Protein backbone atom coordinates (compact mmCIF):
# COMPACT_ATOMS: atom_id res chain seq x y z
CA MET A 1 88.81 89.17 117.31
CA SER A 2 85.92 89.65 114.86
CA ASN A 3 85.42 92.58 112.94
CA ILE A 4 82.64 93.99 115.06
CA ARG A 5 84.12 95.88 118.05
CA PRO A 6 82.95 93.97 121.10
CA SER A 7 80.95 96.25 123.24
CA ASP A 8 82.40 95.39 126.06
CA MET A 9 85.84 95.96 125.09
CA GLU A 10 88.02 98.31 127.12
CA ARG A 11 89.30 101.50 125.76
CA ILE A 12 93.12 101.62 125.91
CA THR A 13 93.86 104.72 127.45
CA THR A 14 96.98 103.91 130.07
CA ARG A 15 100.21 102.54 129.36
CA GLU A 16 98.98 99.32 131.28
CA LEU A 17 96.23 98.52 128.79
CA ALA A 18 98.24 99.02 125.92
CA GLU A 19 100.93 96.50 126.86
CA LYS A 20 98.48 94.17 127.55
CA PHE A 21 96.89 94.59 123.98
CA ILE A 22 100.44 94.69 122.61
CA GLU A 23 100.81 90.78 124.34
CA GLU A 24 97.63 89.79 123.04
CA GLN A 25 98.28 90.94 119.89
CA ILE A 26 101.96 89.41 119.53
CA ALA A 27 100.68 86.01 120.81
CA GLU A 28 97.32 86.51 117.66
CA ILE A 29 100.08 87.62 115.23
CA LYS A 30 102.53 84.58 116.01
CA ALA A 31 99.35 81.96 115.87
CA GLN A 32 98.03 83.45 112.76
CA VAL A 33 101.84 83.47 110.95
CA GLY A 34 103.13 80.55 112.22
CA ASP A 35 106.79 80.08 112.51
CA GLU A 36 107.86 80.42 109.30
CA GLY A 37 105.31 82.75 107.19
CA LYS A 38 106.54 85.88 106.19
CA VAL A 39 104.56 89.17 106.24
CA LEU A 40 104.47 92.31 103.92
CA LEU A 41 103.64 95.82 104.81
CA ALA A 42 103.33 99.23 102.84
CA LEU A 43 104.99 101.44 105.78
CA SER A 44 103.75 104.92 105.39
CA GLY A 45 105.30 106.18 108.26
CA GLY A 46 101.57 107.10 109.21
CA VAL A 47 100.72 106.17 112.74
CA ASP A 48 98.53 103.27 112.11
CA SER A 49 100.97 101.54 109.60
CA SER A 50 104.04 102.42 111.85
CA VAL A 51 101.98 101.18 115.30
CA VAL A 52 101.42 97.78 112.75
CA ALA A 53 105.31 97.63 112.06
CA ALA A 54 106.30 97.80 115.24
CA LEU A 55 103.99 95.21 116.71
CA LEU A 56 104.86 92.72 113.73
CA ILE A 57 108.54 93.14 114.17
CA LYS A 58 108.09 92.50 118.17
CA ALA A 59 106.02 89.16 117.18
CA ILE A 60 108.13 87.53 113.83
CA GLY A 61 111.15 90.12 113.66
CA ASP A 62 112.94 90.14 110.04
CA ARG A 63 110.07 88.05 108.73
CA LEU A 64 108.46 91.17 108.29
CA VAL A 65 109.43 93.00 105.21
CA CYS A 66 108.52 96.49 104.92
CA VAL A 67 108.19 98.61 101.71
CA HIS A 68 108.46 102.27 102.11
CA VAL A 69 107.76 103.81 98.86
CA ASN A 70 108.45 107.79 98.49
CA HIS A 71 106.21 108.95 96.06
CA GLY A 72 107.91 112.53 96.34
CA LEU A 73 104.81 114.18 97.76
CA LEU A 74 105.49 113.34 101.40
CA ARG A 75 106.70 116.09 103.99
CA LYS A 76 109.90 117.66 104.70
CA GLY A 77 112.23 114.89 106.35
CA GLU A 78 109.63 111.68 106.66
CA PRO A 79 111.58 109.34 104.64
CA GLU A 80 114.68 109.72 106.64
CA GLN A 81 112.34 109.11 109.54
CA VAL A 82 111.23 106.18 108.74
CA ILE A 83 114.66 104.71 107.62
CA SER A 84 116.15 105.90 111.15
CA VAL A 85 112.96 104.73 113.29
CA PHE A 86 112.57 101.43 111.77
CA ARG A 87 115.65 100.34 109.95
CA GLU A 88 118.33 101.50 112.31
CA GLU A 89 116.78 101.65 115.60
CA LEU A 90 114.17 98.84 115.50
CA GLY A 91 116.04 96.80 112.93
CA ALA A 92 113.68 96.37 110.49
CA ASN A 93 113.58 94.43 107.49
CA LEU A 94 113.26 97.40 105.25
CA ILE A 95 112.83 98.01 101.55
CA TYR A 96 113.15 102.01 100.57
CA VAL A 97 111.99 103.12 96.85
CA ASP A 98 112.56 106.25 96.02
CA ALA A 99 109.91 106.57 92.99
CA ALA A 100 109.72 110.89 93.00
CA ASP A 101 110.48 111.11 89.53
CA ARG A 102 108.15 108.13 88.50
CA PHE A 103 105.09 109.65 90.34
CA LEU A 104 105.91 113.20 89.31
CA ASP A 105 106.36 112.50 85.56
CA LYS A 106 102.75 110.63 85.51
CA LEU A 107 101.60 113.74 87.47
CA ALA A 108 102.76 116.76 84.60
CA GLY A 109 100.39 118.77 83.59
CA VAL A 110 97.33 117.16 85.61
CA ALA A 111 95.31 119.73 87.12
CA GLU A 112 92.19 117.77 88.24
CA PRO A 113 92.20 116.78 91.93
CA GLU A 114 90.29 113.61 91.87
CA THR A 115 92.46 112.47 88.56
CA LYS A 116 95.95 113.13 90.53
CA ARG A 117 94.51 111.00 93.37
CA LYS A 118 93.89 108.01 91.13
CA ILE A 119 97.21 108.24 89.51
CA ILE A 120 99.13 108.73 92.56
CA GLY A 121 97.09 105.19 94.04
CA ALA A 122 97.06 103.60 91.07
CA GLU A 123 100.85 104.16 90.88
CA PHE A 124 101.22 103.26 94.78
CA ILE A 125 99.93 100.07 93.68
CA ASP A 126 102.19 99.48 90.66
CA VAL A 127 105.47 100.37 92.48
CA PHE A 128 104.21 97.99 95.59
CA ALA A 129 103.43 95.20 93.42
CA GLU A 130 106.81 95.39 91.76
CA GLU A 131 108.16 95.00 95.08
CA ALA A 132 106.40 92.68 95.91
CA GLU A 133 107.29 90.02 93.03
CA LYS A 134 110.60 90.27 93.77
CA LEU A 135 110.15 88.95 97.32
CA GLU A 136 109.87 85.05 98.19
CA GLY A 137 107.91 83.39 100.65
CA ILE A 138 105.09 86.19 101.47
CA ALA A 139 101.98 84.52 102.40
CA PHE A 140 100.78 87.52 104.10
CA LEU A 141 99.58 91.42 103.98
CA ALA A 142 99.86 93.24 107.37
CA GLN A 143 97.65 96.86 106.98
CA GLY A 144 97.10 99.63 109.34
CA THR A 145 93.03 99.19 109.30
CA ILE A 146 91.92 100.88 112.43
CA TYR A 147 88.04 100.73 113.39
CA PRO A 148 86.48 103.93 111.64
CA ASP A 149 88.09 102.40 108.49
CA ILE A 150 85.87 99.36 109.21
CA LEU A 151 82.57 101.31 110.05
CA GLU A 152 83.05 104.31 107.16
CA SER A 153 84.27 102.15 104.25
CA ASP A 154 83.65 98.41 105.03
CA GLY A 155 86.80 97.41 105.66
CA VAL A 156 88.68 99.18 102.64
CA LYS A 157 91.35 101.73 103.48
CA ALA A 158 91.24 103.75 100.07
CA HIS A 159 94.04 105.87 100.87
CA HIS A 160 96.43 103.55 102.47
CA ASN A 161 95.88 99.84 101.91
CA VAL A 162 97.46 97.98 98.98
CA GLY A 163 94.00 96.62 97.43
CA GLY A 164 93.91 96.04 93.97
CA LEU A 165 97.23 93.93 93.69
CA PRO A 166 97.31 91.66 91.02
CA GLU A 167 95.49 88.18 91.59
CA ASP A 168 98.85 86.45 91.68
CA LEU A 169 99.71 88.54 94.92
CA GLN A 170 96.98 88.38 96.93
CA PHE A 171 97.98 87.67 100.69
CA GLU A 172 95.94 86.34 103.95
CA LEU A 173 95.44 89.94 105.78
CA VAL A 174 97.04 90.65 108.95
CA GLU A 175 95.13 93.31 110.64
CA PRO A 176 96.13 94.14 114.37
CA VAL A 177 94.92 97.24 115.21
CA LYS A 178 91.16 96.71 113.24
CA LEU A 179 89.36 97.06 116.52
CA LEU A 180 91.18 100.40 117.96
CA TYR A 181 90.27 104.15 117.24
CA LYS A 182 92.94 106.41 116.52
CA ASP A 183 93.64 107.64 119.83
CA GLU A 184 93.81 104.08 121.42
CA VAL A 185 96.56 103.45 118.18
CA ARG A 186 98.45 106.57 119.54
CA VAL A 187 98.73 105.14 123.36
CA VAL A 188 99.91 101.27 122.06
CA GLY A 189 102.81 103.13 119.33
CA SER A 190 103.65 104.88 122.67
CA ALA A 191 104.38 101.58 124.83
CA LEU A 192 106.19 100.21 121.77
CA GLY A 193 108.22 102.85 121.99
CA LEU A 194 107.80 105.08 118.76
CA PRO A 195 108.60 108.60 118.95
CA ASP A 196 106.01 111.08 119.60
CA SER A 197 106.61 112.92 115.89
CA MET A 198 105.49 109.50 114.83
CA VAL A 199 102.92 108.66 117.19
CA TYR A 200 101.23 111.82 117.09
CA ARG A 201 101.78 112.81 113.41
CA GLN A 202 99.29 114.69 112.18
CA PRO A 203 96.45 113.35 109.78
CA PHE A 204 97.95 113.59 106.17
CA PRO A 205 96.04 112.29 102.90
CA GLY A 206 97.32 109.44 101.07
CA PRO A 207 98.07 111.60 98.00
CA GLY A 208 100.11 113.67 100.28
CA LEU A 209 101.21 117.48 99.24
CA GLY A 210 99.65 116.35 95.98
CA VAL A 211 96.70 117.80 97.05
CA ARG A 212 98.14 120.87 99.04
CA CYS A 213 99.86 121.95 95.44
CA VAL A 214 96.77 122.87 94.11
CA GLY A 215 95.93 122.24 90.30
CA ALA A 216 98.80 120.80 88.18
CA ILE A 217 101.86 119.94 90.57
CA THR A 218 105.36 121.46 89.66
CA ARG A 219 108.47 120.32 91.19
CA ASP A 220 109.14 123.86 92.22
CA ARG A 221 105.59 124.68 93.61
CA LEU A 222 106.24 121.35 95.13
CA GLU A 223 108.97 121.92 96.84
CA ALA A 224 107.96 125.45 97.77
CA VAL A 225 104.93 123.94 99.69
CA ARG A 226 106.96 121.50 101.28
CA GLU A 227 109.38 123.87 102.81
CA ALA A 228 106.37 126.33 104.05
CA ASP A 229 104.57 123.34 105.35
CA ALA A 230 107.97 122.33 107.79
CA ILE A 231 107.85 126.01 108.85
CA VAL A 232 104.25 126.07 109.69
CA ARG A 233 104.10 122.90 111.64
CA GLU A 234 107.53 123.86 113.85
CA GLU A 235 105.69 127.25 114.32
CA ILE A 236 102.29 126.36 115.14
CA GLY A 237 103.13 123.30 116.87
CA LYS A 238 104.41 125.56 119.61
CA LEU A 239 100.79 126.92 120.63
CA GLU A 240 99.23 124.85 123.76
CA PRO A 241 97.34 123.03 122.83
CA ALA A 242 98.45 122.51 119.60
CA PRO A 243 95.69 122.59 116.91
CA TRP A 244 94.39 119.22 115.75
CA GLN A 245 95.66 119.91 112.30
CA TYR A 246 97.92 122.64 110.69
CA PHE A 247 99.49 122.46 107.21
CA CYS A 248 99.74 124.91 104.11
CA ALA A 249 98.77 124.75 100.42
CA ILE A 250 99.92 126.48 97.60
CA PRO A 251 96.95 127.60 94.89
CA ASP A 252 97.70 127.43 91.01
CA PHE A 253 98.24 131.39 90.66
CA VAL A 254 100.64 134.05 91.00
CA SER A 255 100.63 137.65 92.23
CA THR A 256 102.88 140.99 92.09
CA GLY A 257 105.53 141.12 94.52
CA VAL A 258 107.84 143.92 95.21
CA LYS A 259 111.66 142.82 95.91
CA ASP A 260 114.86 145.27 95.29
CA ASP A 261 112.85 148.07 93.65
CA LYS A 262 111.51 145.68 91.44
CA ARG A 263 107.97 144.03 90.58
CA TYR A 264 108.33 140.29 89.83
CA MET A 265 105.41 137.65 90.08
CA GLY A 266 104.95 135.06 93.00
CA TRP A 267 103.03 132.33 94.75
CA ALA A 268 100.97 132.79 97.38
CA VAL A 269 101.12 130.22 100.54
CA VAL A 270 97.66 129.45 102.57
CA ILE A 271 97.98 128.44 106.29
CA ARG A 272 95.21 126.18 107.49
CA ALA A 273 94.53 125.47 111.14
CA ILE A 274 91.74 123.87 112.43
CA ASN A 275 90.08 121.40 115.18
CA THR A 276 87.47 119.00 114.94
CA VAL A 277 86.03 115.92 116.62
CA ASP A 278 85.09 113.73 114.06
CA ALA A 279 86.39 115.45 110.66
CA VAL A 280 82.82 116.06 109.69
CA THR A 281 82.58 119.29 111.05
CA ALA A 282 85.88 121.88 111.81
CA GLU A 283 86.29 125.23 112.71
CA ALA A 284 89.35 127.43 112.16
CA VAL A 285 91.87 128.35 115.24
CA GLU A 286 92.89 131.66 116.47
CA ILE A 287 96.81 131.88 115.70
CA PRO A 288 98.04 134.94 117.67
CA TRP A 289 99.20 137.65 115.59
CA GLN A 290 102.78 137.79 116.46
CA MET A 291 102.77 133.88 115.36
CA LEU A 292 101.25 134.54 112.04
CA LYS A 293 103.83 137.47 111.40
CA ARG A 294 106.71 134.94 112.22
CA ILE A 295 105.29 132.47 110.09
CA ARG A 296 105.18 134.91 107.24
CA ASP A 297 108.72 136.38 107.61
CA ARG A 298 110.10 133.13 107.70
CA ILE A 299 108.37 131.87 104.95
CA ILE A 300 109.17 134.99 102.69
CA ALA A 301 112.64 134.73 104.01
CA GLU A 302 113.25 130.89 103.39
CA VAL A 303 111.01 129.51 100.38
CA ALA A 304 111.89 130.52 97.33
CA GLY A 305 109.27 131.85 95.01
CA VAL A 306 106.84 132.92 97.50
CA ASN A 307 105.84 136.43 97.80
CA ARG A 308 102.48 136.42 99.83
CA VAL A 309 101.07 134.69 102.73
CA LEU A 310 97.69 134.08 103.27
CA TRP A 311 95.30 132.71 106.40
CA ASP A 312 92.15 130.59 105.60
CA VAL A 313 89.67 131.21 108.45
CA SER A 314 86.86 129.67 106.71
CA ASP A 315 85.14 126.27 108.41
CA LYS A 316 83.79 122.99 107.46
CA PRO A 317 81.02 123.37 105.93
CA VAL A 318 81.30 124.88 103.50
CA SER A 319 84.76 124.56 103.22
CA THR A 320 86.66 121.44 103.30
CA ILE A 321 89.59 120.82 105.54
CA GLU A 322 92.18 120.18 102.82
CA TRP A 323 92.15 122.33 99.83
CA GLU A 324 91.49 119.53 96.94
């Protein structure tokens, strides 16, 4: 398939069309990789890389090597889900790298958002390259590039790919979903049998919770935003229909609270829920008051160090979707 989506290419909207696409891609992967070729994939757990992994497992089995790097900035339960789905259910050849301490040590004291992004991106490349150097016979690199990535960034997927690998670790690319839009990738993922929690996973920035722990990341604030985020996703996910994206952030300030008749300083959690079509503009979603109160009560009771819950009702523009 070319890098230009054919104008007559049928949109994948049904399971039948998805199964046809899967069959075609398995044949193309086998033709590209051959009978003995080995493929390396950075498996984030997002829908794009997960669908690519599932396709490649069907096509070449354990000749696909998946590397899942836990940088310590993932949402609650995500590394465990990747291991459960791919290693235990799909039998993937999966390498799990717990690099949380390594990333967080590099990020200590760094407050500027773009600097944090660069550190996370560069460290990911270093970790991935180190794992790749341990492997033998790898000739191909699979990526979860999708069609909007090609349109928006000339084929370079800044948050998810592993561009920047050392010259001696350059591989031929395998990009089986590069002509699909996100909604089509989800249909294919469902047809491949991936769980809904993975297929319909909300958009999540490459730097992860690193851009939702505003300012310099501390381990206690990072854990607080992880726990609060799990509550926010559980509760707002009950809405019908659910918003396009919902999460929380912890700003880098403290405010006064009262507990057991004593004043103390604690963090604020900010709830963010938006709807959007293209992520260029976005509108804040109305959350029922009873749900907001339930979220507030759970966060205050269950998340250590938090004494205030706020609701971000700003639209984009002028506010961005993420806080950093």
